[in-house]
């Protein structure tokens, strides 16, 4: 198996620049922790930070 190193922050920024309607792009680890990315600048989140953390953990379990 080959090991690849990705610049996740750069990838997330690229995703955010694709369309102005995209508000969030992120990468989570196996435990559901956000390791890169986040909200687009000057955008108000629709959910609070705790709700986001719970969602990330739930997604990691799937």
PDB file of N, CA and C in Angstrom:
ATOM      1  N   UNK A   1       0.852  -1.177   0.000  1.00  0.00           N
ATOM      2  CA  UNK A   1       0.000   0.000   0.000  1.00  0.00           C
ATOM      3  C   UNK A   1       0.896   1.237   0.000  1.00  0.00           C
ATOM      4  N   UNK A   2       0.605   2.163  -0.870  1.00  0.00           N
ATOM      5  CA  UNK A   2       1.415   3.380  -0.928  1.00  0.00           C
ATOM      6  C   UNK A   2       0.849   4.438   0.009  1.00  0.00           C
ATOM      7  N   UNK A   3       1.743   5.213   0.552  1.00  0.00           N
ATOM      8  CA  UNK A   3       1.358   6.280   1.469  1.00  0.00           C
ATOM      9  C   UNK A   3       1.337   7.595   0.708  1.00  0.00           C
ATOM     10  N   UNK A   4       0.216   8.296   0.778  1.00  0.00           N
ATOM     11  CA  UNK A   4       0.091   9.580   0.096  1.00  0.00           C
ATOM     12  C   UNK A   4      -0.127  10.672   1.126  1.00  0.00           C
ATOM     13  N   UNK A   5       0.468  11.810   0.881  1.00  0.00           N
ATOM     14  CA  UNK A   5       0.296  12.966   1.754  1.00  0.00           C
ATOM     15  C   UNK A   5      -0.510  14.007   0.985  1.00  0.00           C
ATOM     16  N   UNK A   6      -1.608  14.441   1.577  1.00  0.00           N
ATOM     17  CA  UNK A   6      -2.470  15.428   0.946  1.00  0.00           C
ATOM     18  C   UNK A   6      -2.445  16.717   1.751  1.00  0.00           C
ATOM     19  N   UNK A   7      -2.544  17.832   1.056  1.00  0.00           N
ATOM     20  CA  UNK A   7      -2.685  19.129   1.714  1.00  0.00           C
ATOM     21  C   UNK A   7      -4.186  19.388   1.847  1.00  0.00           C
ATOM     22  N   UNK A   8      -4.769  18.869   2.935  1.00  0.00           N
ATOM     23  CA  UNK A   8      -6.213  18.945   3.113  1.00  0.00           C
ATOM     24  C   UNK A   8      -6.725  20.375   3.185  1.00  0.00           C
ATOM     25  N   UNK A   9      -5.956  21.270   3.771  1.00  0.00           N
ATOM     26  CA  UNK A   9      -6.384  22.672   3.845  1.00  0.00           C
ATOM     27  C   UNK A   9      -6.517  23.267   2.452  1.00  0.00           C
ATOM     28  N   UNK A  10      -5.564  22.961   1.599  1.00  0.00           N
ATOM     29  CA  UNK A  10      -5.600  23.474   0.224  1.00  0.00           C
ATOM     30  C   UNK A  10      -6.790  22.884  -0.537  1.00  0.00           C
ATOM     31  N   UNK A  11      -7.046  21.601  -0.336  1.00  0.00           N
ATOM     32  CA  UNK A  11      -8.183  20.951  -0.995  1.00  0.00           C
ATOM     33  C   UNK A  11      -9.491  21.593  -0.540  1.00  0.00           C
ATOM     34  N   UNK A  12      -9.622  21.843   0.761  1.00  0.00           N
ATOM     35  CA  UNK A  12     -10.844  22.466   1.284  1.00  0.00           C
ATOM     36  C   UNK A  12     -11.031  23.872   0.727  1.00  0.00           C
ATOM     37  N   UNK A  13      -9.955  24.631   0.635  1.00  0.00           N
ATOM     38  CA  UNK A  13     -10.045  25.979   0.062  1.00  0.00           C
ATOM     39  C   UNK A  13     -10.472  25.915  -1.396  1.00  0.00           C
ATOM     40  N   UNK A  14      -9.970  24.929  -2.136  1.00  0.00           N
ATOM     41  CA  UNK A  14     -10.366  24.759  -3.538  1.00  0.00           C
ATOM     42  C   UNK A  14     -11.853  24.453  -3.644  1.00  0.00           C
ATOM     43  N   UNK A  15     -12.336  23.591  -2.771  1.00  0.00           N
ATOM     44  CA  UNK A  15     -13.761  23.243  -2.779  1.00  0.00           C
ATOM     45  C   UNK A  15     -14.609  24.475  -2.488  1.00  0.00           C
ATOM     46  N   UNK A  16     -14.208  25.271  -1.499  1.00  0.00           N
ATOM     47  CA  UNK A  16     -14.961  26.483  -1.152  1.00  0.00           C
ATOM     48  C   UNK A  16     -14.995  27.490  -2.294  1.00  0.00           C
ATOM     49  N   UNK A  17     -13.967  27.482  -3.132  1.00  0.00           N
ATOM     50  CA  UNK A  17     -13.908  28.452  -4.231  1.00  0.00           C
ATOM     51  C   UNK A  17     -14.711  28.014  -5.454  1.00  0.00           C
ATOM     52  N   UNK A  18     -15.180  26.780  -5.477  1.00  0.00           N
ATOM     53  CA  UNK A  18     -15.920  26.264  -6.637  1.00  0.00           C
ATOM     54  C   UNK A  18     -17.230  27.008  -6.849  1.00  0.00           C
ATOM     55  N   UNK A  19     -17.954  27.238  -5.756  1.00  0.00           N
ATOM     56  CA  UNK A  19     -19.290  27.820  -5.859  1.00  0.00           C
ATOM     57  C   UNK A  19     -19.542  28.691  -4.630  1.00  0.00           C
ATOM     58  N   UNK A  20     -20.077  29.889  -4.823  1.00  0.00           N
ATOM     59  CA  UNK A  20     -20.337  30.767  -3.675  1.00  0.00           C
ATOM     60  C   UNK A  20     -21.385  30.205  -2.712  1.00  0.00           C
ATOM     61  N   UNK A  21     -22.168  29.225  -3.151  1.00  0.00           N
ATOM     62  CA  UNK A  21     -23.183  28.633  -2.282  1.00  0.00           C
ATOM     63  C   UNK A  21     -22.594  27.619  -1.302  1.00  0.00           C
ATOM     64  N   UNK A  22     -21.368  27.165  -1.555  1.00  0.00           N
ATOM     65  CA  UNK A  22     -20.722  26.230  -0.633  1.00  0.00           C
ATOM     66  C   UNK A  22     -20.266  27.018   0.583  1.00  0.00           C
ATOM     67  N   UNK A  23     -20.745  26.623   1.757  1.00  0.00           N
ATOM     68  CA  UNK A  23     -20.459  27.348   2.995  1.00  0.00           C
ATOM     69  C   UNK A  23     -19.370  26.697   3.822  1.00  0.00           C
ATOM     70  N   UNK A  24     -19.217  25.377   3.683  1.00  0.00           N
ATOM     71  CA  UNK A  24     -18.300  24.626   4.541  1.00  0.00           C
ATOM     72  C   UNK A  24     -17.642  23.503   3.748  1.00  0.00           C
ATOM     73  N   UNK A  25     -16.379  23.303   3.992  1.00  0.00           N
ATOM     74  CA  UNK A  25     -15.654  22.143   3.462  1.00  0.00           C
ATOM     75  C   UNK A  25     -14.669  21.716   4.535  1.00  0.00           C
ATOM     76  N   UNK A  26     -14.656  20.441   4.837  1.00  0.00           N
ATOM     77  CA  UNK A  26     -13.759  19.977   5.889  1.00  0.00           C
ATOM     78  C   UNK A  26     -13.393  18.522   5.738  1.00  0.00           C
ATOM     79  N   UNK A  27     -12.353  18.139   6.454  1.00  0.00           N
ATOM     80  CA  UNK A  27     -11.894  16.753   6.509  1.00  0.00           C
ATOM     81  C   UNK A  27     -11.888  16.354   7.982  1.00  0.00           C
ATOM     82  N   UNK A  28     -12.513  15.213   8.272  1.00  0.00           N
ATOM     83  CA  UNK A  28     -12.506  14.704   9.642  1.00  0.00           C
ATOM     84  C   UNK A  28     -11.657  13.441   9.706  1.00  0.00           C
ATOM     85  N   UNK A  29     -11.123  13.171  10.894  1.00  0.00           N
ATOM     86  CA  UNK A  29     -10.351  11.946  11.071  1.00  0.00           C
ATOM     87  C   UNK A  29     -11.280  10.798  11.467  1.00  0.00           C
ATOM     88  N   UNK A  30     -10.704   9.648  11.786  1.00  0.00           N
ATOM     89  CA  UNK A  30     -11.500   8.460  12.106  1.00  0.00           C
ATOM     90  C   UNK A  30     -12.289   8.609  13.400  1.00  0.00           C
ATOM     91  N   UNK A  31     -11.920   9.558  14.227  1.00  0.00           N
ATOM     92  CA  UNK A  31     -12.635   9.797  15.484  1.00  0.00           C
ATOM     93  C   UNK A  31     -13.652  10.926  15.377  1.00  0.00           C
ATOM     94  N   UNK A  32     -13.793  11.499  14.193  1.00  0.00           N
ATOM     95  CA  UNK A  32     -14.768  12.557  13.999  1.00  0.00           C
ATOM     96  C   UNK A  32     -14.272  13.942  14.337  1.00  0.00           C
ATOM     97  N   UNK A  33     -12.977  14.105  14.442  1.00  0.00           N
ATOM     98  CA  UNK A  33     -12.401  15.431  14.722  1.00  0.00           C
ATOM     99  C   UNK A  33     -12.087  16.135  13.407  1.00  0.00           C
ATOM    100  N   UNK A  34     -12.428  17.407  13.336  1.00  0.00           N
ATOM    101  CA  UNK A  34     -12.116  18.205  12.154  1.00  0.00           C
ATOM    102  C   UNK A  34     -10.609  18.450  12.119  1.00  0.00           C
ATOM    103  N   UNK A  35      -9.947  17.982  11.054  1.00  0.00           N
ATOM    104  CA  UNK A  35      -8.496  18.131  10.958  1.00  0.00           C
ATOM    105  C   UNK A  35      -8.089  19.201   9.952  1.00  0.00           C
ATOM    106  N   UNK A  36      -9.006  19.586   9.070  1.00  0.00           N
ATOM    107  CA  UNK A  36      -8.712  20.640   8.090  1.00  0.00           C
ATOM    108  C   UNK A  36     -10.019  21.232   7.597  1.00  0.00           C
ATOM    109  N   UNK A  37      -9.925  22.459   7.125  1.00  0.00           N
ATOM    110  CA  UNK A  37     -11.085  23.113   6.546  1.00  0.00           C
ATOM    111  C   UNK A  37     -11.904  23.877   7.565  1.00  0.00           C
ATOM    112  N   UNK A  38     -13.107  24.232   7.155  1.00  0.00           N
ATOM    113  CA  UNK A  38     -14.000  24.982   8.017  1.00  0.00           C
ATOM    114  C   UNK A  38     -14.967  25.815   7.200  1.00  0.00           C
ATOM    115  N   UNK A  39     -15.557  26.788   7.869  1.00  0.00           N
ATOM    116  CA  UNK A  39     -16.526  27.672   7.224  1.00  0.00           C
ATOM    117  C   UNK A  39     -15.826  28.674   6.320  1.00  0.00           C
ATOM    118  N   UNK A  40     -16.543  29.064   5.284  1.00  0.00           N
ATOM    119  CA  UNK A  40     -16.065  30.136   4.420  1.00  0.00           C
ATOM    120  C   UNK A  40     -16.037  31.426   5.238  1.00  0.00           C
ATOM    121  N   UNK A  41     -15.094  32.291   4.939  1.00  0.00           N
ATOM    122  CA  UNK A  41     -14.981  33.559   5.667  1.00  0.00           C
ATOM    123  C   UNK A  41     -16.241  34.400   5.495  1.00  0.00           C
ATOM    124  N   UNK A  42     -16.589  35.120   6.544  1.00  0.00           N
ATOM    125  CA  UNK A  42     -17.739  36.033   6.564  1.00  0.00           C
ATOM    126  C   UNK A  42     -19.075  35.325   6.362  1.00  0.00           C
ATOM    127  N   UNK A  43     -19.150  34.049   6.756  1.00  0.00           N
ATOM    128  CA  UNK A  43     -20.396  33.294   6.675  1.00  0.00           C
ATOM    129  C   UNK A  43     -20.802  32.910   8.093  1.00  0.00           C
ATOM    130  N   UNK A  44     -22.052  33.164   8.419  1.00  0.00           N
ATOM    131  CA  UNK A  44     -22.564  32.826   9.748  1.00  0.00           C
ATOM    132  C   UNK A  44     -22.972  31.352   9.747  1.00  0.00           C
ATOM    133  N   UNK A  45     -22.478  30.562  10.703  1.00  0.00           N
ATOM    134  CA  UNK A  45     -22.846  29.140  10.755  1.00  0.00           C
ATOM    135  C   UNK A  45     -24.338  28.957  11.016  1.00  0.00           C
ATOM    136  N   UNK A  46     -24.910  27.905  10.439  1.00  0.00           N
ATOM    137  CA  UNK A  46     -26.322  27.600  10.658  1.00  0.00           C
ATOM    138  C   UNK A  46     -26.525  26.798  11.939  1.00  0.00           C
ATOM    139  N   UNK A  47     -25.477  26.108  12.388  1.00  0.00           N
ATOM    140  CA  UNK A  47     -25.536  25.320  13.617  1.00  0.00           C
ATOM    141  C   UNK A  47     -24.421  25.764  14.545  1.00  0.00           C
ATOM    142  N   UNK A  48     -24.569  25.448  15.833  1.00  0.00           N
ATOM    143  CA  UNK A  48     -23.499  25.810  16.757  1.00  0.00           C
ATOM    144  C   UNK A  48     -22.358  24.788  16.670  1.00  0.00           C
ATOM    145  N   UNK A  49     -21.250  25.129  17.256  1.00  0.00           N
ATOM    146  CA  UNK A  49     -20.038  24.316  17.155  1.00  0.00           C
ATOM    147  C   UNK A  49     -20.225  22.917  17.756  1.00  0.00           C
ATOM    148  N   UNK A  50     -20.946  22.819  18.850  1.00  0.00           N
ATOM    149  CA  UNK A  50     -21.183  21.518  19.500  1.00  0.00           C
ATOM    150  C   UNK A  50     -21.990  20.589  18.594  1.00  0.00           C
ATOM    151  N   UNK A  51     -22.992  21.137  17.909  1.00  0.00           N
ATOM    152  CA  UNK A  51     -23.783  20.328  16.980  1.00  0.00           C
ATOM    153  C   UNK A  51     -22.912  19.813  15.841  1.00  0.00           C
ATOM    154  N   UNK A  52     -22.017  20.661  15.350  1.00  0.00           N
ATOM    155  CA  UNK A  52     -21.092  20.238  14.295  1.00  0.00           C
ATOM    156  C   UNK A  52     -20.207  19.098  14.777  1.00  0.00           C
ATOM    157  N   UNK A  53     -19.670  19.215  15.991  1.00  0.00           N
ATOM    158  CA  UNK A  53     -18.804  18.172  16.545  1.00  0.00           C
ATOM    159  C   UNK A  53     -19.551  16.845  16.654  1.00  0.00           C
ATOM    160  N   UNK A  54     -20.793  16.895  17.095  1.00  0.00           N
ATOM    161  CA  UNK A  54     -21.596  15.670  17.210  1.00  0.00           C
ATOM    162  C   UNK A  54     -21.849  15.056  15.834  1.00  0.00           C
ATOM    163  N   UNK A  55     -22.137  15.885  14.848  1.00  0.00           N
ATOM    164  CA  UNK A  55     -22.366  15.399  13.492  1.00  0.00           C
ATOM    165  C   UNK A  55     -21.108  14.737  12.940  1.00  0.00           C
ATOM    166  N   UNK A  56     -19.958  15.352  13.152  1.00  0.00           N
ATOM    167  CA  UNK A  56     -18.700  14.788  12.660  1.00  0.00           C
ATOM    168  C   UNK A  56     -18.438  13.420  13.289  1.00  0.00           C
ATOM    169  N   UNK A  57     -18.690  13.296  14.594  1.00  0.00           N
ATOM    170  CA  UNK A  57     -18.479  12.011  15.275  1.00  0.00           C
ATOM    171  C   UNK A  57     -19.427  10.945  14.738  1.00  0.00           C
ATOM    172  N   UNK A  58     -20.672  11.346  14.486  1.00  0.00           N
ATOM    173  CA  UNK A  58     -21.650  10.411  13.934  1.00  0.00           C
ATOM    174  C   UNK A  58     -21.226   9.951  12.541  1.00  0.00           C
ATOM    175  N   UNK A  59     -20.758  10.874  11.727  1.00  0.00           N
ATOM    176  CA  UNK A  59     -20.315  10.517  10.378  1.00  0.00           C
ATOM    177  C   UNK A  59     -19.115   9.584  10.407  1.00  0.00           C
ATOM    178  N   UNK A  60     -18.216   9.789  11.351  1.00  0.00           N
ATOM    179  CA  UNK A  60     -17.023   8.939  11.451  1.00  0.00           C
ATOM    180  C   UNK A  60     -17.390   7.505  11.825  1.00  0.00           C
ATOM    181  N   UNK A  61     -18.492   7.319  12.530  1.00  0.00           N
ATOM    182  CA  UNK A  61     -18.914   5.980  12.933  1.00  0.00           C
ATOM    183  C   UNK A  61     -19.556   5.192  11.801  1.00  0.00           C
ATOM    184  N   UNK A  62     -19.959   5.845  10.748  1.00  0.00           N
ATOM    185  CA  UNK A  62     -20.643   5.165   9.630  1.00  0.00           C
ATOM    186  C   UNK A  62     -19.684   4.435   8.747  1.00  0.00           C
TER     187      UNK A  62
END
